[in-house]
Amino acid sequence: MTMKKLAVAILLSAAIAPAQRSPGAEPPHSPWKSFEFLIGTWEAKTAGGSAGATVSGTYSFQTELKDHVLARHSVNSGCKGPADFDCLHTDLLYIYPDAGTSYQAIYFDNEGHVIRYGLSFPTAASVVFLSNTSAAEPQFRLSYELKGSILYGKFQMRLPGQTEFRSYLEWSGEKRNNTRGFP
């Protein structure tokens, strides 16, 4: 008999808990709300840039580590480029909240590059990753912008002494039907 009472108490408390939220109250804020337009798996085909390469593949943005980081994973499915272009390139990008209201990112690749980025959101459907400036090192800018159903991306660099960023790679593509997980 006590097990029945316990089960009823648990069911009642579960039913009452959501009702205790005041009418019109917002659900808890997700730290990834600004990134919702990115989350999922995307097709990608290069559309330009100074690299002189033609690359196709997929990349996915998904939360990991119990939603503490947002990770981008890439998979190349085809590549043609000049001899100095790494068609076997692989990389990881991890985005994380910093001080609650801003975001940072860190990038690693199979060539040994590590880039630290600060992030900004020029519009609700765009994000810009910008590395620190240095007199001796290039500055990098990675950007994503969703226009309709197409996500456009650019990886740009500014060499020391230059004032303008130059596109190294540009790509675009549509989202696959799945919204989470690897390609």
C-alpha atoms as a PDB file:
ATOM      1  CA  MET A   1       0.000   0.000   0.000  1.00  0.00           C
ATOM      2  CA  THR A   2       2.832   2.451   0.769  1.00  0.00           C
ATOM      3  CA  MET A   3       4.382   1.864  -2.676  1.00  0.00           C
ATOM      4  CA  LYS A   4       1.080   2.947  -4.270  1.00  0.00           C
ATOM      5  CA  LYS A   5       1.032   6.128  -2.159  1.00  0.00           C
ATOM      6  CA  LEU A   6       4.664   6.852  -3.062  1.00  0.00           C
ATOM      7  CA  ALA A   7       3.967   6.353  -6.776  1.00  0.00           C
ATOM      8  CA  VAL A   8       0.913   8.650  -6.590  1.00  0.00           C
ATOM      9  CA  ALA A   9       2.947  11.299  -4.720  1.00  0.00           C
ATOM     10  CA  ILE A  10       5.693  11.175  -7.356  1.00  0.00           C
ATOM     11  CA  LEU A  11       3.165  11.446 -10.192  1.00  0.00           C
ATOM     12  CA  LEU A  12       1.390  14.365  -8.506  1.00  0.00           C
ATOM     13  CA  SER A  13       4.622  16.237  -7.822  1.00  0.00           C
ATOM     14  CA  ALA A  14       5.701  15.729 -11.431  1.00  0.00           C
ATOM     15  CA  ALA A  15       2.364  17.094 -12.641  1.00  0.00           C
ATOM     16  CA  ILE A  16       2.417  20.069 -10.259  1.00  0.00           C
ATOM     17  CA  ALA A  17       6.049  21.143 -10.842  1.00  0.00           C
ATOM     18  CA  PRO A  18       5.523  22.481 -14.392  1.00  0.00           C
ATOM     19  CA  ALA A  19       2.321  24.208 -13.288  1.00  0.00           C
ATOM     20  CA  GLN A  20       4.226  26.132 -10.606  1.00  0.00           C
ATOM     21  CA  ARG A  21       6.021  28.196 -13.277  1.00  0.00           C
ATOM     22  CA  SER A  22       4.281  31.540 -13.567  1.00  0.00           C
ATOM     23  CA  PRO A  23       2.239  32.080 -16.732  1.00  0.00           C
ATOM     24  CA  GLY A  24       4.339  33.477 -19.571  1.00  0.00           C
ATOM     25  CA  ALA A  25       7.620  32.626 -17.825  1.00  0.00           C
ATOM     26  CA  GLU A  26      10.500  31.831 -20.167  1.00  0.00           C
ATOM     27  CA  PRO A  27      12.186  28.438 -19.979  1.00  0.00           C
ATOM     28  CA  PRO A  28      15.790  28.539 -18.699  1.00  0.00           C
ATOM     29  CA  HIS A  29      18.124  30.316 -21.138  1.00  0.00           C
ATOM     30  CA  SER A  30      20.206  28.063 -23.332  1.00  0.00           C
ATOM     31  CA  PRO A  31      23.791  29.285 -23.741  1.00  0.00           C
ATOM     32  CA  TRP A  32      23.560  28.131 -27.381  1.00  0.00           C
ATOM     33  CA  LYS A  33      20.511  30.167 -28.424  1.00  0.00           C
ATOM     34  CA  SER A  34      22.637  32.512 -30.595  1.00  0.00           C
ATOM     35  CA  PHE A  35      23.997  29.446 -32.406  1.00  0.00           C
ATOM     36  CA  GLU A  36      20.679  27.710 -33.168  1.00  0.00           C
ATOM     37  CA  PHE A  37      20.960  28.624 -36.850  1.00  0.00           C
ATOM     38  CA  LEU A  38      24.261  26.650 -37.038  1.00  0.00           C
ATOM     39  CA  ILE A  39      23.361  23.492 -35.132  1.00  0.00           C
ATOM     40  CA  GLY A  40      23.028  20.478 -37.400  1.00  0.00           C
ATOM     41  CA  THR A  41      24.883  18.898 -40.293  1.00  0.00           C
ATOM     42  CA  TRP A  42      25.623  20.941 -43.403  1.00  0.00           C
ATOM     43  CA  GLU A  43      26.677  20.086 -46.939  1.00  0.00           C
ATOM     44  CA  ALA A  44      29.555  22.255 -48.156  1.00  0.00           C
ATOM     45  CA  LYS A  45      31.070  23.094 -51.525  1.00  0.00           C
ATOM     46  CA  THR A  46      33.776  25.682 -52.017  1.00  0.00           C
ATOM     47  CA  ALA A  47      32.707  28.821 -53.794  1.00  0.00           C
ATOM     48  CA  GLY A  48      35.966  30.714 -54.022  1.00  0.00           C
ATOM     49  CA  GLY A  49      38.991  32.023 -52.205  1.00  0.00           C
ATOM     50  CA  SER A  50      42.705  32.316 -52.878  1.00  0.00           C
ATOM     51  CA  ALA A  51      43.440  28.665 -51.976  1.00  0.00           C
ATOM     52  CA  GLY A  52      42.556  27.642 -55.530  1.00  0.00           C
ATOM     53  CA  ALA A  53      40.958  24.416 -54.297  1.00  0.00           C
ATOM     54  CA  THR A  54      37.644  22.730 -54.989  1.00  0.00           C
ATOM     55  CA  VAL A  55      36.430  20.942 -51.878  1.00  0.00           C
ATOM     56  CA  SER A  56      33.167  19.248 -50.953  1.00  0.00           C
ATOM     57  CA  GLY A  57      32.060  17.550 -47.773  1.00  0.00           C
ATOM     58  CA  THR A  58      30.005  17.978 -44.650  1.00  0.00           C
ATOM     59  CA  TYR A  59      30.433  19.625 -41.307  1.00  0.00           C
ATOM     60  CA  SER A  60      28.346  19.505 -38.177  1.00  0.00           C
ATOM     61  CA  PHE A  61      27.816  21.769 -35.210  1.00  0.00           C
ATOM     62  CA  GLN A  62      26.616  19.944 -32.112  1.00  0.00           C
ATOM     63  CA  THR A  63      26.717  20.419 -28.384  1.00  0.00           C
ATOM     64  CA  GLU A  64      29.017  18.097 -26.452  1.00  0.00           C
ATOM     65  CA  LEU A  65      30.182  17.475 -22.885  1.00  0.00           C
ATOM     66  CA  LYS A  66      26.667  17.824 -21.441  1.00  0.00           C
ATOM     67  CA  ASP A  67      26.040  20.990 -23.501  1.00  0.00           C
ATOM     68  CA  HIS A  68      29.100  22.821 -22.132  1.00  0.00           C
ATOM     69  CA  VAL A  69      30.750  23.208 -25.559  1.00  0.00           C
ATOM     70  CA  LEU A  70      29.597  23.496 -29.132  1.00  0.00           C
ATOM     71  CA  ALA A  71      31.830  21.512 -31.492  1.00  0.00           C
ATOM     72  CA  ARG A  72      32.298  21.661 -35.244  1.00  0.00           C
ATOM     73  CA  HIS A  73      33.514  18.487 -36.961  1.00  0.00           C
ATOM     74  CA  SER A  74      34.338  18.382 -40.690  1.00  0.00           C
ATOM     75  CA  VAL A  75      34.564  15.540 -43.205  1.00  0.00           C
ATOM     76  CA  ASN A  76      35.938  16.023 -46.745  1.00  0.00           C
ATOM     77  CA  SER A  77      34.340  13.896 -49.458  1.00  0.00           C
ATOM     78  CA  GLY A  78      36.163  15.365 -52.434  1.00  0.00           C
ATOM     79  CA  CYS A  79      39.086  17.690 -53.015  1.00  0.00           C
ATOM     80  CA  LYS A  80      41.178  19.024 -55.884  1.00  0.00           C
ATOM     81  CA  GLY A  81      43.748  21.676 -55.240  1.00  0.00           C
ATOM     82  CA  PRO A  82      47.256  22.924 -55.909  1.00  0.00           C
ATOM     83  CA  ALA A  83      50.214  20.891 -54.623  1.00  0.00           C
ATOM     84  CA  ASP A  84      50.553  23.055 -51.491  1.00  0.00           C
ATOM     85  CA  PHE A  85      46.862  22.606 -50.521  1.00  0.00           C
ATOM     86  CA  ASP A  86      46.223  19.848 -47.944  1.00  0.00           C
ATOM     87  CA  CYS A  87      43.305  17.842 -49.372  1.00  0.00           C
ATOM     88  CA  LEU A  88      43.511  15.514 -46.356  1.00  0.00           C
ATOM     89  CA  HIS A  89      42.915  18.446 -43.986  1.00  0.00           C
ATOM     90  CA  THR A  90      41.010  17.715 -40.794  1.00  0.00           C
ATOM     91  CA  ASP A  91      40.155  20.090 -37.979  1.00  0.00           C
ATOM     92  CA  LEU A  92      38.135  20.652 -34.816  1.00  0.00           C
ATOM     93  CA  LEU A  93      36.555  23.852 -33.556  1.00  0.00           C
ATOM     94  CA  TYR A  94      35.305  24.140 -29.986  1.00  0.00           C
ATOM     95  CA  ILE A  95      33.119  27.049 -28.865  1.00  0.00           C
ATOM     96  CA  TYR A  96      32.527  27.790 -25.204  1.00  0.00           C
ATOM     97  CA  PRO A  97      30.857  30.490 -23.082  1.00  0.00           C
ATOM     98  CA  ASP A  98      33.226  32.935 -21.433  1.00  0.00           C
ATOM     99  CA  ALA A  99      32.030  35.027 -18.489  1.00  0.00           C
ATOM    100  CA  GLY A 100      28.412  34.146 -19.240  1.00  0.00           C
ATOM    101  CA  THR A 101      27.733  36.767 -21.919  1.00  0.00           C
ATOM    102  CA  SER A 102      30.541  36.286 -24.431  1.00  0.00           C
ATOM    103  CA  TYR A 103      31.981  33.344 -26.298  1.00  0.00           C
ATOM    104  CA  GLN A 104      35.437  32.113 -27.189  1.00  0.00           C
ATOM    105  CA  ALA A 105      36.537  29.390 -29.588  1.00  0.00           C
ATOM    106  CA  ILE A 106      39.651  27.351 -30.156  1.00  0.00           C
ATOM    107  CA  TYR A 107      40.602  25.651 -33.421  1.00  0.00           C
ATOM    108  CA  PHE A 108      42.977  22.724 -33.975  1.00  0.00           C
ATOM    109  CA  ASP A 109      43.995  21.047 -37.240  1.00  0.00           C
ATOM    110  CA  ASN A 110      46.179  18.203 -38.496  1.00  0.00           C
ATOM    111  CA  GLU A 111      48.820  20.701 -39.666  1.00  0.00           C
ATOM    112  CA  GLY A 112      49.494  21.796 -36.088  1.00  0.00           C
ATOM    113  CA  HIS A 113      47.656  25.125 -36.233  1.00  0.00           C
ATOM    114  CA  VAL A 114      45.933  26.409 -33.113  1.00  0.00           C
ATOM    115  CA  ILE A 115      43.797  29.541 -33.394  1.00  0.00           C
ATOM    116  CA  ARG A 116      41.973  31.253 -30.528  1.00  0.00           C
ATOM    117  CA  TYR A 117      38.952  33.331 -31.457  1.00  0.00           C
ATOM    118  CA  GLY A 118      36.623  35.861 -29.872  1.00  0.00           C
ATOM    119  CA  LEU A 119      33.080  35.803 -31.270  1.00  0.00           C
ATOM    120  CA  SER A 120      30.536  38.405 -32.307  1.00  0.00           C
ATOM    121  CA  PHE A 121      27.030  38.197 -33.750  1.00  0.00           C
ATOM    122  CA  PRO A 122      26.420  40.935 -36.355  1.00  0.00           C
ATOM    123  CA  THR A 123      22.868  39.597 -36.967  1.00  0.00           C
ATOM    124  CA  ALA A 124      20.634  36.879 -35.533  1.00  0.00           C
ATOM    125  CA  ALA A 125      21.715  34.581 -38.385  1.00  0.00           C
ATOM    126  CA  SER A 126      25.455  35.259 -38.473  1.00  0.00           C
ATOM    127  CA  VAL A 127      28.554  34.802 -36.345  1.00  0.00           C
ATOM    128  CA  VAL A 128      32.107  36.081 -36.783  1.00  0.00           C
ATOM    129  CA  PHE A 129      35.154  34.436 -35.207  1.00  0.00           C
ATOM    130  CA  LEU A 130      38.111  36.837 -34.980  1.00  0.00           C
ATOM    131  CA  SER A 131      41.604  35.951 -33.762  1.00  0.00           C
ATOM    132  CA  ASN A 132      43.798  38.375 -31.846  1.00  0.00           C
ATOM    133  CA  THR A 133      46.045  40.765 -33.714  1.00  0.00           C
ATOM    134  CA  SER A 134      49.806  40.377 -33.686  1.00  0.00           C
ATOM    135  CA  ALA A 135      52.593  42.305 -35.397  1.00  0.00           C
ATOM    136  CA  ALA A 136      54.326  39.040 -36.319  1.00  0.00           C
ATOM    137  CA  GLU A 137      51.412  36.655 -37.025  1.00  0.00           C
ATOM    138  CA  PRO A 138      48.450  36.699 -39.434  1.00  0.00           C
ATOM    139  CA  GLN A 139      45.020  37.530 -38.063  1.00  0.00           C
ATOM    140  CA  PHE A 140      42.204  35.137 -38.967  1.00  0.00           C
ATOM    141  CA  ARG A 141      38.482  35.656 -39.430  1.00  0.00           C
ATOM    142  CA  LEU A 142      35.967  32.840 -39.805  1.00  0.00           C
ATOM    143  CA  SER A 143      32.362  33.753 -40.520  1.00  0.00           C
ATOM    144  CA  TYR A 144      29.048  32.008 -41.053  1.00  0.00           C
ATOM    145  CA  GLU A 145      25.842  33.579 -42.328  1.00  0.00           C
ATOM    146  CA  LEU A 146      22.509  31.897 -42.979  1.00  0.00           C
ATOM    147  CA  LYS A 147      20.587  33.358 -45.929  1.00  0.00           C
ATOM    148  CA  GLY A 148      17.327  31.514 -46.479  1.00  0.00           C
ATOM    149  CA  SER A 149      18.262  27.824 -46.345  1.00  0.00           C
ATOM    150  CA  ILE A 150      21.878  28.312 -47.461  1.00  0.00           C
ATOM    151  CA  LEU A 151      24.708  28.669 -44.928  1.00  0.00           C
ATOM    152  CA  TYR A 152      27.670  30.659 -46.280  1.00  0.00           C
ATOM    153  CA  GLY A 153      31.112  30.404 -44.733  1.00  0.00           C
ATOM    154  CA  LYS A 154      34.412  32.231 -45.166  1.00  0.00           C
ATOM    155  CA  PHE A 155      37.873  31.695 -43.780  1.00  0.00           C
ATOM    156  CA  GLN A 156      39.930  34.855 -44.248  1.00  0.00           C
ATOM    157  CA  MET A 157      43.324  36.112 -43.183  1.00  0.00           C
ATOM    158  CA  ARG A 158      45.111  39.413 -42.859  1.00  0.00           C
ATOM    159  CA  LEU A 159      48.895  39.253 -43.028  1.00  0.00           C
ATOM    160  CA  PRO A 160      51.012  41.550 -40.828  1.00  0.00           C
ATOM    161  CA  GLY A 161      51.155  45.045 -42.324  1.00  0.00           C
ATOM    162  CA  GLN A 162      47.997  44.564 -44.419  1.00  0.00           C
ATOM    163  CA  THR A 163      44.746  46.404 -43.745  1.00  0.00           C
ATOM    164  CA  GLU A 164      42.295  44.118 -45.558  1.00  0.00           C
ATOM    165  CA  PHE A 165      41.291  40.512 -44.961  1.00  0.00           C
ATOM    166  CA  ARG A 166      41.621  38.187 -47.980  1.00  0.00           C
ATOM    167  CA  SER A 167      39.460  35.097 -48.418  1.00  0.00           C
ATOM    168  CA  TYR A 168      41.383  31.854 -48.343  1.00  0.00           C
ATOM    169  CA  LEU A 169      38.300  29.629 -48.649  1.00  0.00           C
ATOM    170  CA  GLU A 170      34.610  30.362 -49.150  1.00  0.00           C
ATOM    171  CA  TRP A 171      31.863  27.747 -49.156  1.00  0.00           C
ATOM    172  CA  SER A 172      28.122  27.321 -49.005  1.00  0.00           C
ATOM    173  CA  GLY A 173      25.573  24.568 -48.626  1.00  0.00           C
ATOM    174  CA  GLU A 174      22.259  23.416 -47.247  1.00  0.00           C
ATOM    175  CA  LYS A 175      21.416  21.642 -44.011  1.00  0.00           C
ATOM    176  CA  ARG A 176      20.836  17.908 -44.050  1.00  0.00           C
ATOM    177  CA  ASN A 177      17.550  16.633 -42.631  1.00  0.00           C
ATOM    178  CA  ASN A 178      19.099  15.485 -39.353  1.00  0.00           C
ATOM    179  CA  THR A 179      19.676  18.265 -36.827  1.00  0.00           C
ATOM    180  CA  ARG A 180      22.199  16.620 -34.508  1.00  0.00           C
ATOM    181  CA  GLY A 181      25.052  14.220 -34.734  1.00  0.00           C
ATOM    182  CA  PHE A 182      27.836  13.461 -37.130  1.00  0.00           C
ATOM    183  CA  PRO A 183      27.350  13.193 -40.879  1.00  0.00           C
END
